[in-house]
PDB file of all heavy atoms in Angstrom:
ATOM      1  N   ARG A   1     169.131  36.793  56.194  1.00  0.00           N
ATOM      2  CA  ARG A   1     168.744  35.358  56.223  1.00  0.00           C
ATOM      3  C   ARG A   1     167.257  35.166  56.443  1.00  0.00           C
ATOM      4  O   ARG A   1     166.609  34.344  55.837  1.00  0.00           O
ATOM      5  CB  ARG A   1     169.582  34.657  57.272  1.00  0.00           C
ATOM      6  CG  ARG A   1     171.032  34.450  56.947  1.00  0.00           C
ATOM      7  CD  ARG A   1     171.863  33.988  58.087  1.00  0.00           C
ATOM      8  NE  ARG A   1     173.219  33.741  57.694  1.00  0.00           N
ATOM      9  CZ  ARG A   1     174.205  33.562  58.630  1.00  0.00           C
ATOM     10  NH1 ARG A   1     173.949  33.503  59.939  1.00  0.00           N
ATOM     11  NH2 ARG A   1     175.477  33.349  58.211  1.00  0.00           N
ATOM     12  N   SER A   2     166.673  36.031  57.300  1.00  0.00           N
ATOM     13  CA  SER A   2     165.265  35.914  57.539  1.00  0.00           C
ATOM     14  C   SER A   2     164.425  36.380  56.337  1.00  0.00           C
ATOM     15  O   SER A   2     163.398  35.721  55.995  1.00  0.00           O
ATOM     16  CB  SER A   2     164.893  36.802  58.767  1.00  0.00           C
ATOM     17  OG  SER A   2     163.522  36.787  59.007  1.00  0.00           O
ATOM     18  N   ALA A   3     164.846  37.367  55.655  1.00  0.00           N
ATOM     19  CA  ALA A   3     164.118  37.909  54.519  1.00  0.00           C
ATOM     20  C   ALA A   3     164.345  37.152  53.256  1.00  0.00           C
ATOM     21  O   ALA A   3     163.495  37.128  52.321  1.00  0.00           O
ATOM     22  CB  ALA A   3     164.536  39.426  54.254  1.00  0.00           C
ATOM     23  N   ARG A   4     165.422  36.355  53.194  1.00  0.00           N
ATOM     24  CA  ARG A   4     165.766  35.631  51.937  1.00  0.00           C
ATOM     25  C   ARG A   4     164.600  34.639  51.591  1.00  0.00           C
ATOM     26  O   ARG A   4     164.269  34.566  50.378  1.00  0.00           O
ATOM     27  CB  ARG A   4     167.008  34.828  52.286  1.00  0.00           C
ATOM     28  CG  ARG A   4     167.512  33.896  51.192  1.00  0.00           C
ATOM     29  CD  ARG A   4     168.041  34.674  49.957  1.00  0.00           C
ATOM     30  NE  ARG A   4     166.994  35.020  48.988  1.00  0.00           N
ATOM     31  CZ  ARG A   4     167.330  35.754  47.937  1.00  0.00           C
ATOM     32  NH1 ARG A   4     168.493  36.230  47.711  1.00  0.00           N
ATOM     33  NH2 ARG A   4     166.317  36.043  47.041  1.00  0.00           N
ATOM     34  N   ASP A   5     163.990  33.984  52.505  1.00  0.00           N
ATOM     35  CA  ASP A   5     162.942  33.040  52.226  1.00  0.00           C
ATOM     36  C   ASP A   5     161.714  33.612  51.703  1.00  0.00           C
ATOM     37  O   ASP A   5     160.853  32.933  51.129  1.00  0.00           O
ATOM     38  CB  ASP A   5     162.728  32.088  53.391  1.00  0.00           C
ATOM     39  CG  ASP A   5     163.889  31.206  53.739  1.00  0.00           C
ATOM     40  OD1 ASP A   5     164.770  30.917  52.860  1.00  0.00           O
ATOM     41  OD2 ASP A   5     163.993  30.772  54.898  1.00  0.00           O
ATOM     42  N   LYS A   6     161.485  34.909  51.939  1.00  0.00           N
ATOM     43  CA  LYS A   6     160.307  35.601  51.539  1.00  0.00           C
ATOM     44  C   LYS A   6     160.458  36.364  50.277  1.00  0.00           C
ATOM     45  O   LYS A   6     159.463  37.063  49.832  1.00  0.00           O
ATOM     46  CB  LYS A   6     159.840  36.473  52.700  1.00  0.00           C
ATOM     47  CG  LYS A   6     159.745  35.913  54.049  1.00  0.00           C
ATOM     48  CD  LYS A   6     159.581  36.969  55.131  1.00  0.00           C
ATOM     49  CE  LYS A   6     159.626  36.339  56.557  1.00  0.00           C
ATOM     50  NZ  LYS A   6     159.545  37.337  57.604  1.00  0.00           N
ATOM     51  N   SER A   7     161.638  36.268  49.662  1.00  0.00           N
ATOM     52  CA  SER A   7     161.911  37.126  48.530  1.00  0.00           C
ATOM     53  C   SER A   7     162.453  36.360  47.343  1.00  0.00           C
ATOM     54  O   SER A   7     163.201  35.345  47.517  1.00  0.00           O
ATOM     55  CB  SER A   7     162.959  38.178  48.912  1.00  0.00           C
ATOM     56  OG  SER A   7     162.629  38.796  50.175  1.00  0.00           O
ATOM     57  N   ASP A   8     162.089  36.792  46.143  1.00  0.00           N
ATOM     58  CA  ASP A   8     162.783  36.250  44.944  1.00  0.00           C
ATOM     59  C   ASP A   8     164.124  36.973  44.735  1.00  0.00           C
ATOM     60  O   ASP A   8     165.052  36.382  44.281  1.00  0.00           O
ATOM     61  CB  ASP A   8     161.819  36.502  43.724  1.00  0.00           C
ATOM     62  CG  ASP A   8     160.531  35.749  43.883  1.00  0.00           C
ATOM     63  OD1 ASP A   8     160.593  34.534  44.121  1.00  0.00           O
ATOM     64  OD2 ASP A   8     159.469  36.403  43.787  1.00  0.00           O
ATOM     65  N   ARG A   9     164.156  38.254  45.103  1.00  0.00           N
ATOM     66  CA  ARG A   9     165.380  39.013  45.099  1.00  0.00           C
ATOM     67  C   ARG A   9     165.449  39.877  46.379  1.00  0.00           C
ATOM     68  O   ARG A   9     164.388  40.438  46.781  1.00  0.00           O
ATOM     69  CB  ARG A   9     165.548  39.895  43.885  1.00  0.00           C
ATOM     70  CG  ARG A   9     165.708  39.134  42.527  1.00  0.00           C
ATOM     71  CD  ARG A   9     166.956  38.256  42.488  1.00  0.00           C
ATOM     72  NE  ARG A   9     167.083  37.579  41.238  1.00  0.00           N
ATOM     73  CZ  ARG A   9     167.936  36.539  41.047  1.00  0.00           C
ATOM     74  NH1 ARG A   9     168.648  36.094  42.149  1.00  0.00           N
ATOM     75  NH2 ARG A   9     168.078  35.952  39.901  1.00  0.00           N
ATOM     76  N   LEU A  10     166.674  40.094  46.881  1.00  0.00           N
ATOM     77  CA  LEU A  10     166.918  40.768  48.084  1.00  0.00           C
ATOM     78  C   LEU A  10     167.935  41.917  47.876  1.00  0.00           C
ATOM     79  O   LEU A  10     169.090  41.553  47.533  1.00  0.00           O
ATOM     80  CB  LEU A  10     167.256  39.909  49.264  1.00  0.00           C
ATOM     81  CG  LEU A  10     167.661  40.486  50.556  1.00  0.00           C
ATOM     82  CD1 LEU A  10     166.542  41.419  51.120  1.00  0.00           C
ATOM     83  CD2 LEU A  10     168.055  39.457  51.574  1.00  0.00           C
ATOM     84  N   ILE A  11     167.598  43.161  47.996  1.00  0.00           N
ATOM     85  CA  ILE A  11     168.484  44.310  47.818  1.00  0.00           C
ATOM     86  C   ILE A  11     168.728  44.941  49.147  1.00  0.00           C
ATOM     87  O   ILE A  11     167.766  45.301  49.875  1.00  0.00           O
ATOM     88  CB  ILE A  11     167.886  45.308  46.818  1.00  0.00           C
ATOM     89  CG1 ILE A  11     167.281  44.610  45.582  1.00  0.00           C
ATOM     90  CG2 ILE A  11     168.866  46.376  46.486  1.00  0.00           C
ATOM     91  CD1 ILE A  11     168.362  43.912  44.724  1.00  0.00           C
ATOM     92  N   VAL A  12     169.956  45.184  49.499  1.00  0.00           N
ATOM     93  CA  VAL A  12     170.328  45.918  50.718  1.00  0.00           C
ATOM     94  C   VAL A  12     171.051  47.242  50.432  1.00  0.00           C
ATOM     95  O   VAL A  12     172.067  47.229  49.703  1.00  0.00           O
ATOM     96  CB  VAL A  12     171.249  45.085  51.594  1.00  0.00           C
ATOM     97  CG1 VAL A  12     171.567  45.790  52.932  1.00  0.00           C
ATOM     98  CG2 VAL A  12     170.579  43.735  51.889  1.00  0.00           C
ATOM     99  N   HIS A  13     170.512  48.345  50.803  1.00  0.00           N
ATOM    100  CA  HIS A  13     171.095  49.613  50.707  1.00  0.00           C
ATOM    101  C   HIS A  13     171.856  49.900  52.032  1.00  0.00           C
ATOM    102  O   HIS A  13     171.373  49.691  53.084  1.00  0.00           O
ATOM    103  CB  HIS A  13     170.059  50.778  50.483  1.00  0.00           C
ATOM    104  CG  HIS A  13     169.675  50.985  49.076  1.00  0.00           C
ATOM    105  ND1 HIS A  13     170.109  52.096  48.373  1.00  0.00           N
ATOM    106  CD2 HIS A  13     169.011  50.255  48.166  1.00  0.00           C
ATOM    107  CE1 HIS A  13     169.656  52.080  47.184  1.00  0.00           C
ATOM    108  NE2 HIS A  13     168.971  50.914  46.972  1.00  0.00           N
ATOM    109  N   VAL A  14     173.025  50.471  51.845  1.00  0.00           N
ATOM    110  CA  VAL A  14     173.864  50.818  53.020  1.00  0.00           C
ATOM    111  C   VAL A  14     174.358  52.229  52.833  1.00  0.00           C
ATOM    112  O   VAL A  14     175.037  52.594  51.840  1.00  0.00           O
ATOM    113  CB  VAL A  14     175.048  49.878  53.257  1.00  0.00           C
ATOM    114  CG1 VAL A  14     175.673  50.127  54.595  1.00  0.00           C
ATOM    115  CG2 VAL A  14     174.628  48.436  53.117  1.00  0.00           C
ATOM    116  N   HIS A  15     174.100  53.086  53.813  1.00  0.00           N
ATOM    117  CA  HIS A  15     174.622  54.463  53.772  1.00  0.00           C
ATOM    118  C   HIS A  15     175.838  54.496  54.549  1.00  0.00           C
ATOM    119  O   HIS A  15     175.895  54.386  55.734  1.00  0.00           O
ATOM    120  CB  HIS A  15     173.594  55.404  54.409  1.00  0.00           C
ATOM    121  CG  HIS A  15     173.651  56.858  53.864  1.00  0.00           C
ATOM    122  ND1 HIS A  15     173.389  57.154  52.577  1.00  0.00           N
ATOM    123  CD2 HIS A  15     174.067  57.973  54.455  1.00  0.00           C
ATOM    124  CE1 HIS A  15     173.548  58.491  52.411  1.00  0.00           C
ATOM    125  NE2 HIS A  15     173.927  58.981  53.572  1.00  0.00           N
ATOM    126  N   TRP A  16     177.027  54.655  53.868  1.00  0.00           N
ATOM    127  CA  TRP A  16     178.333  54.443  54.495  1.00  0.00           C
ATOM    128  C   TRP A  16     179.424  55.086  53.643  1.00  0.00           C
ATOM    129  O   TRP A  16     179.178  55.636  52.578  1.00  0.00           O
ATOM    130  CB  TRP A  16     178.632  53.025  54.755  1.00  0.00           C
ATOM    131  CG  TRP A  16     178.694  52.127  53.527  1.00  0.00           C
ATOM    132  CD1 TRP A  16     178.603  52.429  52.275  1.00  0.00           C
ATOM    133  CD2 TRP A  16     178.928  50.720  53.568  1.00  0.00           C
ATOM    134  NE1 TRP A  16     178.719  51.376  51.437  1.00  0.00           N
ATOM    135  CE2 TRP A  16     178.907  50.256  52.231  1.00  0.00           C
ATOM    136  CE3 TRP A  16     179.175  49.793  54.602  1.00  0.00           C
ATOM    137  CZ2 TRP A  16     179.145  48.925  51.902  1.00  0.00           C
ATOM    138  CZ3 TRP A  16     179.387  48.409  54.177  1.00  0.00           C
ATOM    139  CH2 TRP A  16     179.358  47.987  52.939  1.00  0.00           C
ATOM    140  N   GLY A  17     180.665  54.994  54.069  1.00  0.00           N
ATOM    141  CA  GLY A  17     181.813  55.304  53.228  1.00  0.00           C
ATOM    142  C   GLY A  17     182.431  56.659  53.580  1.00  0.00           C
ATOM    143  O   GLY A  17     181.691  57.586  54.058  1.00  0.00           O
ATOM    144  N   MET A  18     183.740  56.863  53.346  1.00  0.00           N
ATOM    145  CA  MET A  18     184.475  58.090  53.603  1.00  0.00           C
ATOM    146  C   MET A  18     183.980  59.108  52.575  1.00  0.00           C
ATOM    147  O   MET A  18     184.115  58.911  51.428  1.00  0.00           O
ATOM    148  CB  MET A  18     185.914  57.821  53.416  1.00  0.00           C
ATOM    149  CG  MET A  18     186.802  59.053  53.607  1.00  0.00           C
ATOM    150  SD  MET A  18     186.755  59.749  55.286  1.00  0.00           S
ATOM    151  CE  MET A  18     187.679  58.538  56.153  1.00  0.00           C
ATOM    152  N   PRO A  19     183.532  60.291  53.058  1.00  0.00           N
ATOM    153  CA  PRO A  19     183.093  61.335  52.100  1.00  0.00           C
ATOM    154  C   PRO A  19     184.230  61.728  51.176  1.00  0.00           C
ATOM    155  O   PRO A  19     185.441  61.774  51.608  1.00  0.00           O
ATOM    156  CB  PRO A  19     182.702  62.487  52.995  1.00  0.00           C
ATOM    157  CG  PRO A  19     182.304  61.855  54.292  1.00  0.00           C
ATOM    158  CD  PRO A  19     183.242  60.679  54.426  1.00  0.00           C
ATOM    159  N   GLU A  20     184.026  61.912  49.898  1.00  0.00           N
ATOM    160  CA  GLU A  20     184.912  62.391  48.902  1.00  0.00           C
ATOM    161  C   GLU A  20     185.783  61.269  48.355  1.00  0.00           C
ATOM    162  O   GLU A  20     186.582  61.467  47.416  1.00  0.00           O
ATOM    163  CB  GLU A  20     185.786  63.507  49.316  1.00  0.00           C
ATOM    164  CG  GLU A  20     185.073  64.727  49.887  1.00  0.00           C
ATOM    165  CD  GLU A  20     184.197  65.420  48.773  1.00  0.00           C
ATOM    166  OE1 GLU A  20     184.806  65.944  47.825  1.00  0.00           O
ATOM    167  OE2 GLU A  20     182.991  65.406  48.863  1.00  0.00           O
ATOM    168  N   SER A  21     185.691  60.077  48.900  1.00  0.00           N
ATOM    169  CA  SER A  21     186.580  59.008  48.470  1.00  0.00           C
ATOM    170  C   SER A  21     185.962  58.075  47.433  1.00  0.00           C
ATOM    171  O   SER A  21     184.860  57.735  47.599  1.00  0.00           O
ATOM    172  CB  SER A  21     186.997  58.111  49.722  1.00  0.00           C
ATOM    173  OG  SER A  21     187.866  57.074  49.262  1.00  0.00           O
ATOM    174  N   SER A  22     186.727  57.770  46.443  1.00  0.00           N
ATOM    175  CA  SER A  22     186.324  56.818  45.372  1.00  0.00           C
ATOM    176  C   SER A  22     186.780  55.430  45.728  1.00  0.00           C
ATOM    177  O   SER A  22     186.635  54.576  44.913  1.00  0.00           O
ATOM    178  CB  SER A  22     186.744  57.245  44.015  1.00  0.00           C
ATOM    179  OG  SER A  22     186.005  58.373  43.588  1.00  0.00           O
ATOM    180  N   TYR A  23     187.404  55.223  46.903  1.00  0.00           N
ATOM    181  CA  TYR A  23     187.869  53.891  47.275  1.00  0.00           C
ATOM    182  C   TYR A  23     187.051  53.404  48.475  1.00  0.00           C
ATOM    183  O   TYR A  23     187.028  54.094  49.514  1.00  0.00           O
ATOM    184  CB  TYR A  23     189.294  53.936  47.654  1.00  0.00           C
ATOM    185  CG  TYR A  23     190.234  54.207  46.585  1.00  0.00           C
ATOM    186  CD1 TYR A  23     190.721  55.506  46.200  1.00  0.00           C
ATOM    187  CD2 TYR A  23     190.813  53.087  45.805  1.00  0.00           C
ATOM    188  CE1 TYR A  23     191.582  55.676  45.147  1.00  0.00           C
ATOM    189  CE2 TYR A  23     191.727  53.333  44.733  1.00  0.00           C
ATOM    190  CZ  TYR A  23     192.031  54.631  44.431  1.00  0.00           C
ATOM    191  OH  TYR A  23     192.930  54.793  43.365  1.00  0.00           O
ATOM    192  N   PRO A  24     186.381  52.266  48.396  1.00  0.00           N
ATOM    193  CA  PRO A  24     185.739  51.676  49.587  1.00  0.00           C
ATOM    194  C   PRO A  24     186.835  51.208  50.591  1.00  0.00           C
ATOM    195  O   PRO A  24     187.972  50.901  50.200  1.00  0.00           O
ATOM    196  CB  PRO A  24     184.999  50.528  49.037  1.00  0.00           C
ATOM    197  CG  PRO A  24     185.732  50.073  47.834  1.00  0.00           C
ATOM    198  CD  PRO A  24     186.332  51.396  47.214  1.00  0.00           C
ATOM    199  N   SER A  25     186.439  51.226  51.902  1.00  0.00           N
ATOM    200  CA  SER A  25     187.380  50.778  52.910  1.00  0.00           C
ATOM    201  C   SER A  25     187.404  49.286  52.937  1.00  0.00           C
ATOM    202  O   SER A  25     186.438  48.608  52.519  1.00  0.00           O
ATOM    203  CB  SER A  25     187.034  51.321  54.245  1.00  0.00           C
ATOM    204  OG  SER A  25     185.808  50.675  54.712  1.00  0.00           O
ATOM    205  N   PRO A  26     188.485  48.631  53.447  1.00  0.00           N
ATOM    206  CA  PRO A  26     188.505  47.225  53.645  1.00  0.00           C
ATOM    207  C   PRO A  26     187.324  46.715  54.452  1.00  0.00           C
ATOM    208  O   PRO A  26     186.832  45.618  54.162  1.00  0.00           O
ATOM    209  CB  PRO A  26     189.846  46.936  54.296  1.00  0.00           C
ATOM    210  CG  PRO A  26     190.666  48.077  53.837  1.00  0.00           C
ATOM    211  CD  PRO A  26     189.819  49.240  53.716  1.00  0.00           C
ATOM    212  N   GLY A  27     186.969  47.492  55.503  1.00  0.00           N
ATOM    213  CA  GLY A  27     185.805  47.114  56.271  1.00  0.00           C
ATOM    214  C   GLY A  27     184.513  47.038  55.483  1.00  0.00           C
ATOM    215  O   GLY A  27     183.675  46.148  55.678  1.00  0.00           O
TER     216      GLY A  27
END
């Protein structure tokens, strides 16, 4: 929310997920 006003586009990278799984978790 803070960065939104300073950006035309906002990209968030997240390092996560069960290794070897092609299914994201509900979380």
